[in-house]
């Protein structure tokens, strides 16, 4: 609903949309060119999810390998940043996609529009192997704050 309210100011220009609940060192200026190069209506920043728990391999009662929490390099998730064409924004009002703000913009966008575009082959991804972290919980926010206090700030692009 908020994005549709901005439509008169955006005109037919593409735009970036971010959930703003995470930090990354991704080059977000590459997201729109990735969308255009793929001929897609939208593109999503694809990142590897952090693992909530460590892993251990077992043979009977014996632990054969132990690994503490890390990043699941075998999976990709939505990193919360999107490049949207005017066409994609126009579709936000489609029945069954987003009926209005009360229906839940996030739910409609992520469970309606993005799956529909993916099924049509119109959703691209910009794969990012670098730093990404969400801050959905107090624990995650505290961990990022601790990194900032030490000056480690891995979300800052030092090469830009």
Protein backbone atom coordinates (compact mmCIF):
# COMPACT_ATOMS: atom_id res chain seq x y z
CA UNK A 1 0.00 0.00 0.00
CA UNK A 2 2.83 2.41 0.80
CA UNK A 3 4.58 1.66 -2.45
CA UNK A 4 1.37 2.13 -4.42
CA UNK A 5 0.87 5.47 -2.63
CA UNK A 6 4.25 6.58 -4.01
CA UNK A 7 3.31 5.63 -7.59
CA UNK A 8 2.53 9.20 -8.70
CA UNK A 9 5.99 10.36 -7.61
CA UNK A 10 7.78 7.33 -9.09
CA UNK A 11 6.03 7.44 -12.44
CA UNK A 12 7.28 4.56 -14.59
CA UNK A 13 10.80 4.63 -13.11
CA UNK A 14 12.14 1.47 -11.45
CA UNK A 15 12.79 1.64 -7.74
CA UNK A 16 14.52 -0.18 -4.90
CA UNK A 17 12.55 -1.47 -1.94
CA UNK A 18 14.23 -2.54 1.31
CA UNK A 19 12.80 -4.03 4.47
CA UNK A 20 15.57 -2.21 6.37
CA UNK A 21 15.85 -4.95 9.01
CA UNK A 22 19.28 -6.09 7.98
CA UNK A 23 22.73 -4.88 7.07
CA UNK A 24 24.95 -5.93 4.21
CA UNK A 25 28.06 -4.98 2.29
CA UNK A 26 26.31 -5.89 -0.98
CA UNK A 27 26.60 -3.47 -3.88
CA UNK A 28 22.93 -2.51 -4.05
CA UNK A 29 23.57 -0.40 -7.16
CA UNK A 30 24.02 -3.73 -9.00
CA UNK A 31 20.48 -4.93 -8.21
CA UNK A 32 18.62 -2.93 -10.86
CA UNK A 33 21.15 -3.77 -13.63
CA UNK A 34 20.81 -7.46 -12.66
CA UNK A 35 17.03 -7.17 -13.03
CA UNK A 36 17.34 -5.51 -16.43
CA UNK A 37 19.97 -7.99 -17.68
CA UNK A 38 17.68 -10.89 -16.75
CA UNK A 39 14.69 -9.28 -18.45
CA UNK A 40 12.81 -9.62 -15.17
CA UNK A 41 10.06 -7.54 -13.62
CA UNK A 42 11.76 -7.70 -10.21
CA UNK A 43 15.01 -8.80 -8.62
CA UNK A 44 15.85 -9.82 -5.08
CA UNK A 45 19.12 -9.69 -3.19
CA UNK A 46 19.95 -13.35 -2.53
CA UNK A 47 22.04 -14.14 0.55
CA UNK A 48 23.08 -17.19 2.49
CA UNK A 49 21.16 -17.63 5.76
CA UNK A 50 22.95 -17.74 9.06
CA UNK A 51 22.48 -21.04 10.84
CA UNK A 52 20.69 -20.78 14.13
CA UNK A 53 22.31 -23.90 15.52
CA UNK A 54 25.56 -25.72 14.95
CA UNK A 55 25.76 -29.19 13.41
CA UNK A 56 27.12 -32.52 14.41
CA UNK A 57 27.42 -35.73 12.45
CA UNK A 58 26.91 -38.97 14.29
CA UNK A 59 27.65 -42.63 13.87
CA UNK A 60 25.51 -44.33 16.46
CA UNK A 61 26.33 -42.69 19.80
CA UNK A 62 29.68 -41.33 18.56
CA UNK A 63 29.96 -37.76 17.25
CA UNK A 64 32.12 -37.88 14.12
CA UNK A 65 32.11 -34.15 13.28
CA UNK A 66 31.16 -31.04 15.19
CA UNK A 67 30.68 -27.55 13.78
CA UNK A 68 29.43 -24.48 15.62
CA UNK A 69 26.99 -22.04 14.03
CA UNK A 70 28.01 -20.62 10.69
CA UNK A 71 26.42 -19.76 7.39
CA UNK A 72 24.49 -22.25 5.27
CA UNK A 73 26.33 -21.90 1.94
CA UNK A 74 24.02 -24.48 0.38
CA UNK A 75 20.91 -22.28 0.60
CA UNK A 76 19.83 -18.87 -0.61
CA UNK A 77 17.25 -16.63 1.03
CA UNK A 78 15.62 -13.28 0.37
CA UNK A 79 17.97 -10.60 1.72
CA UNK A 80 15.19 -8.01 2.04
CA UNK A 81 16.23 -5.70 -0.83
CA UNK A 82 14.41 -5.65 -4.16
CA UNK A 83 14.59 -3.87 -7.52
CA UNK A 84 11.09 -3.37 -8.90
CA UNK A 85 10.02 -2.31 -12.34
CA UNK A 86 6.88 -0.24 -12.81
CA UNK A 87 5.25 -3.42 -14.14
CA UNK A 88 5.92 -5.24 -10.88
CA UNK A 89 4.57 -2.31 -8.85
CA UNK A 90 1.45 -2.23 -11.02
CA UNK A 91 0.78 -5.85 -10.11
CA UNK A 92 0.66 -5.11 -6.39
CA UNK A 93 -3.03 -4.37 -6.78
CA UNK A 94 -3.89 -7.68 -8.45
CA UNK A 95 -6.56 -9.74 -6.69
CA UNK A 96 -4.90 -12.42 -4.60
CA UNK A 97 -1.60 -10.54 -4.49
CA UNK A 98 -2.24 -7.55 -2.25
CA UNK A 99 -5.77 -6.55 -1.37
CA UNK A 100 -4.66 -3.60 0.78
CA UNK A 101 -2.51 -2.69 3.72
CA UNK A 102 -4.83 -4.46 6.14
CA UNK A 103 -4.20 -7.71 4.24
CA UNK A 104 -0.52 -7.36 5.03
CA UNK A 105 1.84 -5.82 2.51
CA UNK A 106 4.78 -8.03 3.46
CA UNK A 107 2.70 -11.20 3.33
CA UNK A 108 1.11 -10.25 0.02
CA UNK A 109 4.38 -9.17 -1.51
CA UNK A 110 6.37 -12.22 -0.41
CA UNK A 111 3.58 -14.78 -0.70
CA UNK A 112 1.76 -13.29 -3.66
CA UNK A 113 3.73 -11.13 -6.06
CA UNK A 114 7.20 -12.68 -5.72
CA UNK A 115 6.03 -16.31 -6.07
CA UNK A 116 3.88 -15.30 -9.06
CA UNK A 117 6.82 -13.59 -10.76
CA UNK A 118 9.08 -16.56 -9.98
CA UNK A 119 6.55 -18.99 -11.50
CA UNK A 120 6.49 -16.84 -14.65
CA UNK A 121 10.30 -16.68 -14.83
CA UNK A 122 10.16 -12.92 -14.19
CA UNK A 123 12.01 -12.78 -10.85
CA UNK A 124 15.79 -12.41 -10.93
CA UNK A 125 18.33 -12.61 -8.12
CA UNK A 126 21.58 -10.87 -7.37
CA UNK A 127 23.66 -13.44 -5.47
CA UNK A 128 25.72 -11.95 -2.66
CA UNK A 129 28.45 -14.01 -1.01
CA UNK A 130 29.62 -11.26 1.34
CA UNK A 131 28.34 -10.00 4.65
CA UNK A 132 24.62 -9.99 5.43
CA UNK A 133 22.90 -10.13 8.80
CA UNK A 134 19.35 -9.56 9.91
CA UNK A 135 18.44 -7.75 13.08
CA UNK A 136 14.98 -9.11 13.71
CA UNK A 137 15.60 -9.87 17.36
CA UNK A 138 17.16 -8.03 20.27
CA UNK A 139 19.96 -10.64 20.32
CA UNK A 140 20.78 -9.99 16.64
CA UNK A 141 20.69 -6.21 17.13
CA UNK A 142 22.97 -6.49 20.17
CA UNK A 143 25.46 -8.60 18.20
CA UNK A 144 25.57 -6.02 15.39
CA UNK A 145 25.88 -3.20 17.92
CA UNK A 146 28.82 -5.02 19.51
CA UNK A 147 30.51 -5.27 16.10
CA UNK A 148 29.99 -1.54 15.56
CA UNK A 149 31.47 -0.71 18.97
CA UNK A 150 34.64 -2.65 18.11
CA UNK A 151 34.94 -0.94 14.73
CA UNK A 152 34.65 -4.29 12.95
CA UNK A 153 31.56 -3.14 10.92
CA UNK A 154 31.69 -5.82 8.19
CA UNK A 155 28.71 -4.20 6.46
CA UNK A 156 30.85 -1.26 5.38
CA UNK A 157 32.30 -1.67 1.90
CA UNK A 158 35.96 -0.79 2.23
CA UNK A 159 36.52 -1.05 -1.55
CA UNK A 160 33.78 1.44 -2.52
